[in-house]
Amino acid sequence: MPFNDQKIIPAARTIKQFDKVVKSEFEYIVLLEVHLSHLRALKQEAERHGKKLIIHADLIHGLKTDNFAADFLCNDIRPAGIISTRSNMILKAKSRGILAIQRVFLIDTIALEKSYSLLEQTAPDFIELLPGVIPDMIKEVSTHTGIPVITGGLIRTDDQIKQAFDAGAIAITTSNKELWKRFQKVVD
């Protein structure tokens, strides 16, 4: 089962949020928008709590998304997974046995068609579709690619979560703390 059947994957945008979610019962967590200098310590803290850290490479402050950055993340930090819009990050993660999650923005038909082409080249382990409030597109992308879909972005209600799962999403990433609380008890 992907993510050990964890359906909600909390995405921490700050160190304060990370400190809260690392003490929760969630096994997988996403790290967004932290400074490069904090990565190693946050990875160690996640491991100390038995968490599997997924890093959103494109949002790490001070980190480029070039091949040197991909090598650094995969060789030095070694997270459980990497999320990126960049093909070099996805290909490097796959080659190092790290979960490769290609982020795709549903902007318009042209962007979707370009994404299909990119997904054929990178063959990521998972696709993260944003925004996650378009169930028909979740179903279409999942069917078209045959790659499991995670979704996130603008999901705010239990009904939107249900619709995403009904459309075929295997998990939801969210920085919405209220959704974290409803789907997993967070220890204070």
Protein backbone atom coordinates (compact mmCIF):
# COMPACT_ATOMS: atom_id res chain seq x y z
CA MET A 1 0.00 0.00 0.00
CA PRO A 2 1.38 3.43 -0.90
CA PHE A 3 2.33 5.46 2.16
CA ASN A 4 1.28 2.51 4.35
CA ASP A 5 -2.32 3.46 3.57
CA GLN A 6 -1.91 6.95 5.08
CA LYS A 7 -4.58 9.00 3.32
CA ILE A 8 -3.71 12.48 4.57
CA ILE A 9 -0.09 13.61 4.33
CA PRO A 10 0.50 16.78 6.33
CA ALA A 11 2.63 19.42 4.63
CA ALA A 12 4.55 21.60 7.09
CA ARG A 13 5.24 25.10 5.78
CA THR A 14 7.16 26.29 8.84
CA ILE A 15 9.45 24.80 11.44
CA LYS A 16 6.71 25.39 14.03
CA GLN A 17 4.30 23.28 11.95
CA PHE A 18 7.03 20.67 11.46
CA ASP A 19 7.58 20.50 15.24
CA LYS A 20 3.87 19.82 15.72
CA VAL A 21 3.42 17.24 12.98
CA VAL A 22 6.64 15.37 13.81
CA LYS A 23 5.04 14.53 17.17
CA SER A 24 1.84 13.29 15.54
CA GLU A 25 0.80 9.79 14.60
CA PHE A 26 1.37 10.50 10.88
CA GLU A 27 4.18 8.41 9.41
CA TYR A 28 4.76 10.43 6.22
CA ILE A 29 5.14 14.21 6.28
CA VAL A 30 5.97 16.79 3.61
CA LEU A 31 8.40 19.61 4.27
CA LEU A 32 7.79 22.92 2.47
CA GLU A 33 9.41 26.35 2.55
CA VAL A 34 12.28 25.91 4.99
CA HIS A 35 15.82 27.16 4.63
CA LEU A 36 18.46 24.88 3.20
CA SER A 37 20.52 25.16 6.39
CA HIS A 38 17.74 23.43 8.38
CA LEU A 39 17.31 20.36 6.16
CA ARG A 40 19.80 18.03 7.81
CA ALA A 41 18.57 18.77 11.35
CA LEU A 42 14.92 18.43 10.33
CA LYS A 43 15.62 15.12 8.59
CA GLN A 44 17.35 13.84 11.75
CA GLU A 45 14.44 15.01 13.91
CA ALA A 46 11.97 13.26 11.61
CA GLU A 47 13.97 10.03 11.83
CA ARG A 48 14.20 10.34 15.62
CA HIS A 49 10.40 10.33 15.69
CA GLY A 50 10.11 7.49 13.19
CA LYS A 51 8.79 9.74 10.39
CA LYS A 52 9.37 9.44 6.67
CA LEU A 53 10.18 12.88 5.34
CA ILE A 54 9.16 14.00 1.85
CA ILE A 55 10.90 17.20 0.77
CA HIS A 56 9.41 19.60 -1.74
CA ALA A 57 12.67 20.48 -3.50
CA ASP A 58 11.30 23.47 -5.41
CA LEU A 59 10.30 25.28 -2.20
CA ILE A 60 13.49 24.93 -0.15
CA HIS A 61 14.94 28.42 0.36
CA GLY A 62 18.55 28.66 -0.80
CA LEU A 63 18.37 25.50 -2.91
CA LYS A 64 18.45 25.67 -6.69
CA THR A 65 16.68 22.97 -8.65
CA ASP A 66 19.73 22.06 -10.74
CA ASN A 67 21.60 18.74 -10.81
CA PHE A 68 23.90 19.77 -7.94
CA ALA A 69 20.84 20.35 -5.75
CA ALA A 70 19.40 17.00 -6.83
CA ASP A 71 22.68 15.28 -5.90
CA PHE A 72 22.75 17.06 -2.53
CA LEU A 73 19.20 16.06 -1.64
CA CYS A 74 19.57 12.46 -2.80
CA ASN A 75 23.09 11.79 -1.51
CA ASP A 76 23.40 13.94 1.62
CA ILE A 77 19.86 14.37 2.97
CA ARG A 78 18.29 11.14 1.63
CA PRO A 79 14.62 11.84 2.38
CA ALA A 80 11.96 9.19 1.88
CA GLY A 81 10.65 11.21 -1.06
CA ILE A 82 11.14 14.27 -3.19
CA ILE A 83 8.37 16.38 -4.72
CA SER A 84 9.30 18.57 -7.67
CA THR A 85 8.06 20.03 -10.92
CA ARG A 86 11.58 19.52 -12.31
CA SER A 87 12.41 16.42 -14.33
CA ASN A 88 16.05 16.33 -13.18
CA MET A 89 14.92 16.08 -9.53
CA ILE A 90 12.48 13.29 -10.33
CA LEU A 91 14.98 11.30 -12.39
CA LYS A 92 17.72 11.66 -9.75
CA ALA A 93 15.36 10.60 -6.95
CA LYS A 94 14.27 7.53 -8.93
CA SER A 95 17.87 6.57 -9.66
CA ARG A 96 18.69 6.73 -5.93
CA GLY A 97 15.67 4.71 -4.77
CA ILE A 98 13.90 7.74 -3.29
CA LEU A 99 10.15 8.19 -3.89
CA ALA A 100 9.80 10.50 -6.87
CA ILE A 101 6.67 12.66 -6.86
CA GLN A 102 6.13 14.85 -9.92
CA ARG A 103 4.07 17.95 -9.10
CA VAL A 104 1.68 18.98 -11.87
CA PHE A 105 -0.34 22.18 -11.94
CA LEU A 106 -3.72 22.01 -13.66
CA ILE A 107 -3.65 25.42 -15.30
CA ASP A 108 -5.05 24.77 -18.76
CA THR A 109 -5.10 22.18 -21.56
CA ILE A 110 -1.67 23.18 -22.90
CA ALA A 111 -0.07 22.75 -19.48
CA LEU A 112 -1.79 19.39 -19.06
CA GLU A 113 -0.55 18.15 -22.44
CA LYS A 114 3.01 19.27 -21.64
CA SER A 115 2.72 17.51 -18.29
CA TYR A 116 1.68 14.26 -19.98
CA SER A 117 4.79 14.46 -22.15
CA LEU A 118 7.00 15.16 -19.13
CA LEU A 119 5.42 12.32 -17.15
CA GLU A 120 6.22 9.90 -19.96
CA GLN A 121 9.88 10.93 -19.74
CA THR A 122 10.22 10.86 -15.96
CA ALA A 123 7.84 8.01 -15.05
CA PRO A 124 7.56 9.19 -11.43
CA ASP A 125 6.37 6.92 -8.64
CA PHE A 126 3.48 9.32 -7.97
CA ILE A 127 1.92 12.44 -9.44
CA GLU A 128 0.83 15.27 -7.18
CA LEU A 129 -1.97 17.22 -8.90
CA LEU A 130 -2.76 20.77 -7.88
CA PRO A 131 -5.30 22.09 -7.24
CA GLY A 132 -6.96 19.07 -5.72
CA VAL A 133 -10.50 20.35 -6.06
CA ILE A 134 -11.00 19.10 -9.63
CA PRO A 135 -12.10 15.46 -9.24
CA ASP A 136 -12.68 14.89 -12.97
CA MET A 137 -9.05 15.76 -13.69
CA ILE A 138 -7.80 13.42 -10.95
CA LYS A 139 -9.61 10.57 -12.66
CA GLU A 140 -8.42 11.62 -16.14
CA VAL A 141 -4.74 11.95 -15.20
CA SER A 142 -4.75 8.70 -13.24
CA THR A 143 -6.37 6.82 -16.12
CA HIS A 144 -4.23 8.46 -18.82
CA THR A 145 -0.87 7.87 -17.09
CA GLY A 146 -1.45 4.76 -15.01
CA ILE A 147 0.56 6.50 -12.24
CA PRO A 148 -0.98 6.82 -8.76
CA VAL A 149 -2.22 10.34 -8.04
CA ILE A 150 -1.80 12.34 -4.86
CA THR A 151 -3.61 15.65 -4.80
CA GLY A 152 -3.47 18.84 -2.79
CA GLY A 153 -4.02 22.54 -2.97
CA LEU A 154 -7.23 24.37 -2.06
CA ILE A 155 -8.75 21.32 -0.38
CA ARG A 156 -10.57 22.66 2.64
CA THR A 157 -13.48 20.37 3.45
CA ASP A 158 -14.19 16.73 4.22
CA ASP A 159 -16.46 16.66 1.15
CA GLN A 160 -13.61 17.81 -1.11
CA ILE A 161 -11.42 15.07 0.37
CA LYS A 162 -14.12 12.48 -0.28
CA GLN A 163 -14.53 13.68 -3.87
CA ALA A 164 -10.76 13.44 -4.45
CA PHE A 165 -10.67 9.87 -3.12
CA ASP A 166 -13.78 8.90 -5.07
CA ALA A 167 -12.04 10.21 -8.22
CA GLY A 168 -9.06 7.94 -7.58
CA ALA A 169 -6.58 9.94 -5.50
CA ILE A 170 -4.55 7.68 -3.20
CA ALA A 171 -3.63 10.45 -0.74
CA ILE A 172 -4.07 14.16 -0.05
CA THR A 173 -1.26 16.55 0.85
CA THR A 174 -2.38 19.49 2.93
CA SER A 175 -0.98 22.26 5.09
CA ASN A 176 -4.46 22.77 6.59
CA LYS A 177 -3.99 21.99 10.29
CA GLU A 178 -7.73 21.54 10.80
CA LEU A 179 -7.71 18.66 8.32
CA TRP A 180 -4.70 17.14 10.08
CA LYS A 181 -6.63 17.18 13.35
CA ARG A 182 -9.69 15.55 11.85
CA PHE A 183 -7.78 12.77 10.19
CA GLN A 184 -5.11 12.02 12.77
CA LYS A 185 -4.67 13.02 16.36
CA VAL A 186 -1.78 15.47 16.68
CA VAL A 187 0.06 15.28 20.00
CA ASP A 188 0.67 18.66 21.64
